[in-house]
Every structure is written in structure tokens, then in C-alpha cells.
Amino acid sequence: MRSCYNMCIKMFFGYSRSYSMTHTLLELNMLSFDTLLVNSSARFLHCWKNCDNEVVKHLSAVLN
């Protein structure tokens, strides 16, 4: 998935395949795939733990 993300960003914004992904992300002020994944996981866990839904609370109790 990471390589797909990187390839799509380069294609969409017109960067060559050989151009540095780090420089690409810095120039576009975008996050890397790994950073997006960590942020999304943290956001999901935060929402999961703070959810008021009874089904989610039950699942959380069962899974812990």
C-alpha cells in the first residue's frame, strides 16, 4: 500500500518516478504513508474508547 500511495502522489502531481519521495512530500507539505497510518490508528482508537454506543462498549469490554 505504501508504494501505491507514493506512486499515486507522484503521478497525480507530475513528479518523475525517480524523484525522491521525501522531497516530494516536503514540497507538497503532505504526510508520509506511515504517518497517515499511525495518525489514523490513533484517531480510531481514541474514537473507539470514547464512544457512547452500547454495542461498541460491549465489544470493547469483551476484547479487553
PDB file of N, CA and C in Angstrom:
ATOM      1  N   MET A   1       0.822  -1.191   0.000  1.00  0.00           N
ATOM      2  CA  MET A   1       0.000   0.000   0.000  1.00  0.00           C
ATOM      3  C   MET A   1       0.868   1.258   0.000  1.00  0.00           C
ATOM      4  N   ARG A   2       1.991   1.179   0.700  1.00  0.00           N
ATOM      5  CA  ARG A   2       2.877   2.348   0.756  1.00  0.00           C
ATOM      6  C   ARG A   2       3.374   2.723  -0.634  1.00  0.00           C
ATOM      7  N   SER A   3       3.823   1.728  -1.384  1.00  0.00           N
ATOM      8  CA  SER A   3       4.359   2.035  -2.713  1.00  0.00           C
ATOM      9  C   SER A   3       3.271   2.556  -3.644  1.00  0.00           C
ATOM     10  N   CYS A   4       2.052   2.056  -3.480  1.00  0.00           N
ATOM     11  CA  CYS A   4       0.923   2.546  -4.276  1.00  0.00           C
ATOM     12  C   CYS A   4       0.631   4.013  -3.946  1.00  0.00           C
ATOM     13  N   TYR A   5       0.618   4.317  -2.658  1.00  0.00           N
ATOM     14  CA  TYR A   5       0.394   5.690  -2.183  1.00  0.00           C
ATOM     15  C   TYR A   5       1.455   6.616  -2.782  1.00  0.00           C
ATOM     16  N   ASN A   6       2.718   6.205  -2.680  1.00  0.00           N
ATOM     17  CA  ASN A   6       3.811   7.028  -3.193  1.00  0.00           C
ATOM     18  C   ASN A   6       3.713   7.210  -4.705  1.00  0.00           C
ATOM     19  N   MET A   7       3.433   6.128  -5.413  1.00  0.00           N
ATOM     20  CA  MET A   7       3.330   6.187  -6.867  1.00  0.00           C
ATOM     21  C   MET A   7       2.183   7.107  -7.296  1.00  0.00           C
ATOM     22  N   CYS A   8       1.050   6.995  -6.635  1.00  0.00           N
ATOM     23  CA  CYS A   8      -0.109   7.824  -6.983  1.00  0.00           C
ATOM     24  C   CYS A   8       0.158   9.301  -6.739  1.00  0.00           C
ATOM     25  N   ILE A   9       0.832   9.614  -5.637  1.00  0.00           N
ATOM     26  CA  ILE A   9       1.158  11.018  -5.361  1.00  0.00           C
ATOM     27  C   ILE A   9       2.064  11.571  -6.455  1.00  0.00           C
ATOM     28  N   LYS A  10       3.080  10.812  -6.825  1.00  0.00           N
ATOM     29  CA  LYS A  10       3.996  11.274  -7.865  1.00  0.00           C
ATOM     30  C   LYS A  10       3.281  11.436  -9.202  1.00  0.00           C
ATOM     31  N   MET A  11       2.430  10.490  -9.556  1.00  0.00           N
ATOM     32  CA  MET A  11       1.699  10.575 -10.823  1.00  0.00           C
ATOM     33  C   MET A  11       0.723  11.747 -10.813  1.00  0.00           C
ATOM     34  N   PHE A  12      -0.021  11.891  -9.724  1.00  0.00           N
ATOM     35  CA  PHE A  12      -1.048  12.929  -9.645  1.00  0.00           C
ATOM     36  C   PHE A  12      -0.441  14.326  -9.728  1.00  0.00           C
ATOM     37  N   PHE A  13       0.694  14.530  -9.067  1.00  0.00           N
ATOM     38  CA  PHE A  13       1.305  15.852  -9.031  1.00  0.00           C
ATOM     39  C   PHE A  13       2.402  16.046 -10.070  1.00  0.00           C
ATOM     40  N   GLY A  14       2.624  15.054 -10.932  1.00  0.00           N
ATOM     41  CA  GLY A  14       3.538  15.206 -12.063  1.00  0.00           C
ATOM     42  C   GLY A  14       5.011  15.071 -11.733  1.00  0.00           C
ATOM     43  N   TYR A  15       5.359  14.361 -10.677  1.00  0.00           N
ATOM     44  CA  TYR A  15       6.762  14.120 -10.350  1.00  0.00           C
ATOM     45  C   TYR A  15       7.245  12.867 -11.083  1.00  0.00           C
ATOM     46  N   SER A  16       8.539  12.852 -11.406  1.00  0.00           N
ATOM     47  CA  SER A  16       9.081  11.665 -12.082  1.00  0.00           C
ATOM     48  C   SER A  16       9.210  10.528 -11.080  1.00  0.00           C
ATOM     49  N   ARG A  17       9.237   9.317 -11.599  1.00  0.00           N
ATOM     50  CA  ARG A  17       9.323   8.128 -10.742  1.00  0.00           C
ATOM     51  C   ARG A  17      10.623   8.103  -9.952  1.00  0.00           C
ATOM     52  N   SER A  18      11.673   8.713 -10.488  1.00  0.00           N
ATOM     53  CA  SER A  18      12.985   8.666  -9.835  1.00  0.00           C
ATOM     54  C   SER A  18      13.178   9.787  -8.805  1.00  0.00           C
ATOM     55  N   TYR A  19      12.249  10.722  -8.749  1.00  0.00           N
ATOM     56  CA  TYR A  19      12.376  11.835  -7.807  1.00  0.00           C
ATOM     57  C   TYR A  19      12.176  11.338  -6.374  1.00  0.00           C
ATOM     58  N   SER A  20      12.921  11.895  -5.457  1.00  0.00           N
ATOM     59  CA  SER A  20      12.872  11.486  -4.057  1.00  0.00           C
ATOM     60  C   SER A  20      11.473  11.676  -3.462  1.00  0.00           C
ATOM     61  N   MET A  21      10.988  10.623  -2.824  1.00  0.00           N
ATOM     62  CA  MET A  21       9.670  10.701  -2.198  1.00  0.00           C
ATOM     63  C   MET A  21       9.696  11.673  -1.029  1.00  0.00           C
ATOM     64  N   THR A  22      10.787  11.709  -0.303  1.00  0.00           N
ATOM     65  CA  THR A  22      10.923  12.644   0.812  1.00  0.00           C
ATOM     66  C   THR A  22      10.800  14.079   0.321  1.00  0.00           C
ATOM     67  N   HIS A  23      11.512  14.407  -0.755  1.00  0.00           N
ATOM     68  CA  HIS A  23      11.437  15.758  -1.305  1.00  0.00           C
ATOM     69  C   HIS A  23      10.038  16.057  -1.841  1.00  0.00           C
ATOM     70  N   THR A  24       9.424  15.066  -2.463  1.00  0.00           N
ATOM     71  CA  THR A  24       8.067  15.238  -2.982  1.00  0.00           C
ATOM     72  C   THR A  24       7.107  15.611  -1.861  1.00  0.00           C
ATOM     73  N   LEU A  25       7.143  14.838  -0.773  1.00  0.00           N
ATOM     74  CA  LEU A  25       6.237  15.087   0.348  1.00  0.00           C
ATOM     75  C   LEU A  25       6.522  16.434   1.008  1.00  0.00           C
ATOM     76  N   LEU A  26       7.792  16.782   1.126  1.00  0.00           N
ATOM     77  CA  LEU A  26       8.148  18.077   1.714  1.00  0.00           C
ATOM     78  C   LEU A  26       7.661  19.234   0.844  1.00  0.00           C
ATOM     79  N   GLU A  27       7.853  19.128  -0.468  1.00  0.00           N
ATOM     80  CA  GLU A  27       7.424  20.191  -1.384  1.00  0.00           C
ATOM     81  C   GLU A  27       5.909  20.347  -1.386  1.00  0.00           C
ATOM     82  N   LEU A  28       5.185  19.235  -1.255  1.00  0.00           N
ATOM     83  CA  LEU A  28       3.719  19.276  -1.278  1.00  0.00           C
ATOM     84  C   LEU A  28       3.115  19.482   0.107  1.00  0.00           C
ATOM     85  N   ASN A  29       3.969  19.486   1.140  1.00  0.00           N
ATOM     86  CA  ASN A  29       3.512  19.620   2.520  1.00  0.00           C
ATOM     87  C   ASN A  29       2.494  18.529   2.861  1.00  0.00           C
ATOM     88  N   MET A  30       2.843  17.290   2.498  1.00  0.00           N
ATOM     89  CA  MET A  30       1.970  16.140   2.743  1.00  0.00           C
ATOM     90  C   MET A  30       2.632  15.193   3.731  1.00  0.00           C
ATOM     91  N   LEU A  31       1.823  14.335   4.326  1.00  0.00           N
ATOM     92  CA  LEU A  31       2.314  13.340   5.266  1.00  0.00           C
ATOM     93  C   LEU A  31       2.701  12.058   4.536  1.00  0.00           C
ATOM     94  N   SER A  32       3.667  11.339   5.104  1.00  0.00           N
ATOM     95  CA  SER A  32       4.053  10.053   4.535  1.00  0.00           C
ATOM     96  C   SER A  32       2.966   9.021   4.834  1.00  0.00           C
ATOM     97  N   PHE A  33       3.023   7.909   4.135  1.00  0.00           N
ATOM     98  CA  PHE A  33       2.048   6.843   4.335  1.00  0.00           C
ATOM     99  C   PHE A  33       2.092   6.340   5.772  1.00  0.00           C
ATOM    100  N   ASP A  34       3.302   6.140   6.303  1.00  0.00           N
ATOM    101  CA  ASP A  34       3.449   5.635   7.668  1.00  0.00           C
ATOM    102  C   ASP A  34       2.842   6.602   8.687  1.00  0.00           C
ATOM    103  N   THR A  35       3.052   7.895   8.499  1.00  0.00           N
ATOM    104  CA  THR A  35       2.486   8.893   9.402  1.00  0.00           C
ATOM    105  C   THR A  35       0.962   8.885   9.316  1.00  0.00           C
ATOM    106  N   LEU A  36       0.432   8.793   8.115  1.00  0.00           N
ATOM    107  CA  LEU A  36      -1.025   8.724   7.950  1.00  0.00           C
ATOM    108  C   LEU A  36      -1.604   7.503   8.642  1.00  0.00           C
ATOM    109  N   LEU A  37      -0.912   6.385   8.512  1.00  0.00           N
ATOM    110  CA  LEU A  37      -1.376   5.141   9.125  1.00  0.00           C
ATOM    111  C   LEU A  37      -1.378   5.247  10.649  1.00  0.00           C
ATOM    112  N   VAL A  38      -0.320   5.770  11.227  1.00  0.00           N
ATOM    113  CA  VAL A  38      -0.233   5.934  12.681  1.00  0.00           C
ATOM    114  C   VAL A  38      -1.297   6.909  13.173  1.00  0.00           C
ATOM    115  N   ASN A  39      -1.451   8.036  12.482  1.00  0.00           N
ATOM    116  CA  ASN A  39      -2.457   9.027  12.886  1.00  0.00           C
ATOM    117  C   ASN A  39      -3.869   8.458  12.798  1.00  0.00           C
ATOM    118  N   SER A  40      -4.145   7.716  11.736  1.00  0.00           N
ATOM    119  CA  SER A  40      -5.476   7.130  11.576  1.00  0.00           C
ATOM    120  C   SER A  40      -5.755   6.086  12.646  1.00  0.00           C
ATOM    121  N   SER A  41      -4.753   5.281  12.959  1.00  0.00           N
ATOM    122  CA  SER A  41      -4.919   4.276  14.006  1.00  0.00           C
ATOM    123  C   SER A  41      -5.170   4.925  15.358  1.00  0.00           C
ATOM    124  N   ALA A  42      -4.422   5.960  15.666  1.00  0.00           N
ATOM    125  CA  ALA A  42      -4.592   6.666  16.937  1.00  0.00           C
ATOM    126  C   ALA A  42      -5.973   7.313  17.012  1.00  0.00           C
ATOM    127  N   ARG A  43      -6.412   7.915  15.910  1.00  0.00           N
ATOM    128  CA  ARG A  43      -7.730   8.547  15.868  1.00  0.00           C
ATOM    129  C   ARG A  43      -8.840   7.506  16.051  1.00  0.00           C
ATOM    130  N   PHE A  44      -8.692   6.351  15.400  1.00  0.00           N
ATOM    131  CA  PHE A  44      -9.681   5.285  15.532  1.00  0.00           C
ATOM    132  C   PHE A  44      -9.752   4.799  16.967  1.00  0.00           C
ATOM    133  N   LEU A  45      -8.604   4.540  17.591  1.00  0.00           N
ATOM    134  CA  LEU A  45      -8.596   4.064  18.973  1.00  0.00           C
ATOM    135  C   LEU A  45      -9.196   5.090  19.930  1.00  0.00           C
ATOM    136  N   HIS A  46      -8.906   6.355  19.693  1.00  0.00           N
ATOM    137  CA  HIS A  46      -9.481   7.417  20.526  1.00  0.00           C
ATOM    138  C   HIS A  46     -11.011   7.424  20.402  1.00  0.00           C
ATOM    139  N   CYS A  47     -11.501   7.353  19.175  1.00  0.00           N
ATOM    140  CA  CYS A  47     -12.958   7.332  18.955  1.00  0.00           C
ATOM    141  C   CYS A  47     -13.585   6.075  19.548  1.00  0.00           C
ATOM    142  N   TRP A  48     -12.907   4.941  19.403  1.00  0.00           N
ATOM    143  CA  TRP A  48     -13.408   3.665  19.925  1.00  0.00           C
ATOM    144  C   TRP A  48     -13.548   3.732  21.443  1.00  0.00           C
ATOM    145  N   LYS A  49     -12.524   4.251  22.115  1.00  0.00           N
ATOM    146  CA  LYS A  49     -12.527   4.299  23.576  1.00  0.00           C
ATOM    147  C   LYS A  49     -13.500   5.337  24.132  1.00  0.00           C
ATOM    148  N   ASN A  50     -13.814   6.353  23.359  1.00  0.00           N
ATOM    149  CA  ASN A  50     -14.692   7.427  23.831  1.00  0.00           C
ATOM    150  C   ASN A  50     -16.102   7.345  23.255  1.00  0.00           C
ATOM    151  N   CYS A  51     -16.436   6.227  22.648  1.00  0.00           N
ATOM    152  CA  CYS A  51     -17.751   6.060  22.022  1.00  0.00           C
ATOM    153  C   CYS A  51     -18.819   5.779  23.081  1.00  0.00           C
ATOM    154  N   ASP A  52     -19.988   6.367  22.887  1.00  0.00           N
ATOM    155  CA  ASP A  52     -21.107   6.172  23.812  1.00  0.00           C
ATOM    156  C   ASP A  52     -22.040   5.044  23.382  1.00  0.00           C
ATOM    157  N   ASN A  53     -21.778   4.448  22.244  1.00  0.00           N
ATOM    158  CA  ASN A  53     -22.629   3.383  21.730  1.00  0.00           C
ATOM    159  C   ASN A  53     -22.483   2.132  22.602  1.00  0.00           C
ATOM    160  N   GLU A  54     -23.596   1.562  23.013  1.00  0.00           N
ATOM    161  CA  GLU A  54     -23.585   0.401  23.904  1.00  0.00           C
ATOM    162  C   GLU A  54     -22.964  -0.836  23.263  1.00  0.00           C
ATOM    163  N   VAL A  55     -23.178  -1.011  21.979  1.00  0.00           N
ATOM    164  CA  VAL A  55     -22.592  -2.165  21.278  1.00  0.00           C
ATOM    165  C   VAL A  55     -21.066  -2.043  21.261  1.00  0.00           C
ATOM    166  N   VAL A  56     -20.580  -0.872  20.979  1.00  0.00           N
ATOM    167  CA  VAL A  56     -19.134  -0.643  20.957  1.00  0.00           C
ATOM    168  C   VAL A  56     -18.555  -0.834  22.358  1.00  0.00           C
ATOM    169  N   LYS A  57     -19.240  -0.326  23.369  1.00  0.00           N
ATOM    170  CA  LYS A  57     -18.779  -0.506  24.748  1.00  0.00           C
ATOM    171  C   LYS A  57     -18.705  -1.986  25.105  1.00  0.00           C
ATOM    172  N   HIS A  58     -19.718  -2.747  24.687  1.00  0.00           N
ATOM    173  CA  HIS A  58     -19.728  -4.183  24.956  1.00  0.00           C
ATOM    174  C   HIS A  58     -18.564  -4.879  24.246  1.00  0.00           C
ATOM    175  N   LEU A  59     -18.361  -4.566  22.985  1.00  0.00           N
ATOM    176  CA  LEU A  59     -17.255  -5.158  22.238  1.00  0.00           C
ATOM    177  C   LEU A  59     -15.909  -4.786  22.852  1.00  0.00           C
ATOM    178  N   SER A  60     -15.805  -3.567  23.291  1.00  0.00           N
ATOM    179  CA  SER A  60     -14.558  -3.115  23.921  1.00  0.00           C
ATOM    180  C   SER A  60     -14.294  -3.899  25.190  1.00  0.00           C
ATOM    181  N   ALA A  61     -15.332  -4.146  25.978  1.00  0.00           N
ATOM    182  CA  ALA A  61     -15.179  -4.911  27.225  1.00  0.00           C
ATOM    183  C   ALA A  61     -14.823  -6.363  26.921  1.00  0.00           C
ATOM    184  N   VAL A  62     -15.431  -6.928  25.901  1.00  0.00           N
ATOM    185  CA  VAL A  62     -15.168  -8.330  25.538  1.00  0.00           C
ATOM    186  C   VAL A  62     -13.754  -8.492  25.010  1.00  0.00           C
ATOM    187  N   LEU A  63     -13.285  -7.538  24.221  1.00  0.00           N
ATOM    188  CA  LEU A  63     -11.966  -7.631  23.600  1.00  0.00           C
ATOM    189  C   LEU A  63     -10.824  -7.317  24.573  1.00  0.00           C
ATOM    190  N   ASN A  64     -11.133  -6.667  25.645  1.00  0.00           N
ATOM    191  CA  ASN A  64     -10.071  -6.339  26.625  1.00  0.00           C
ATOM    192  C   ASN A  64     -10.071  -7.400  27.636  1.00  0.00           C
TER     193      ASN A  64
END
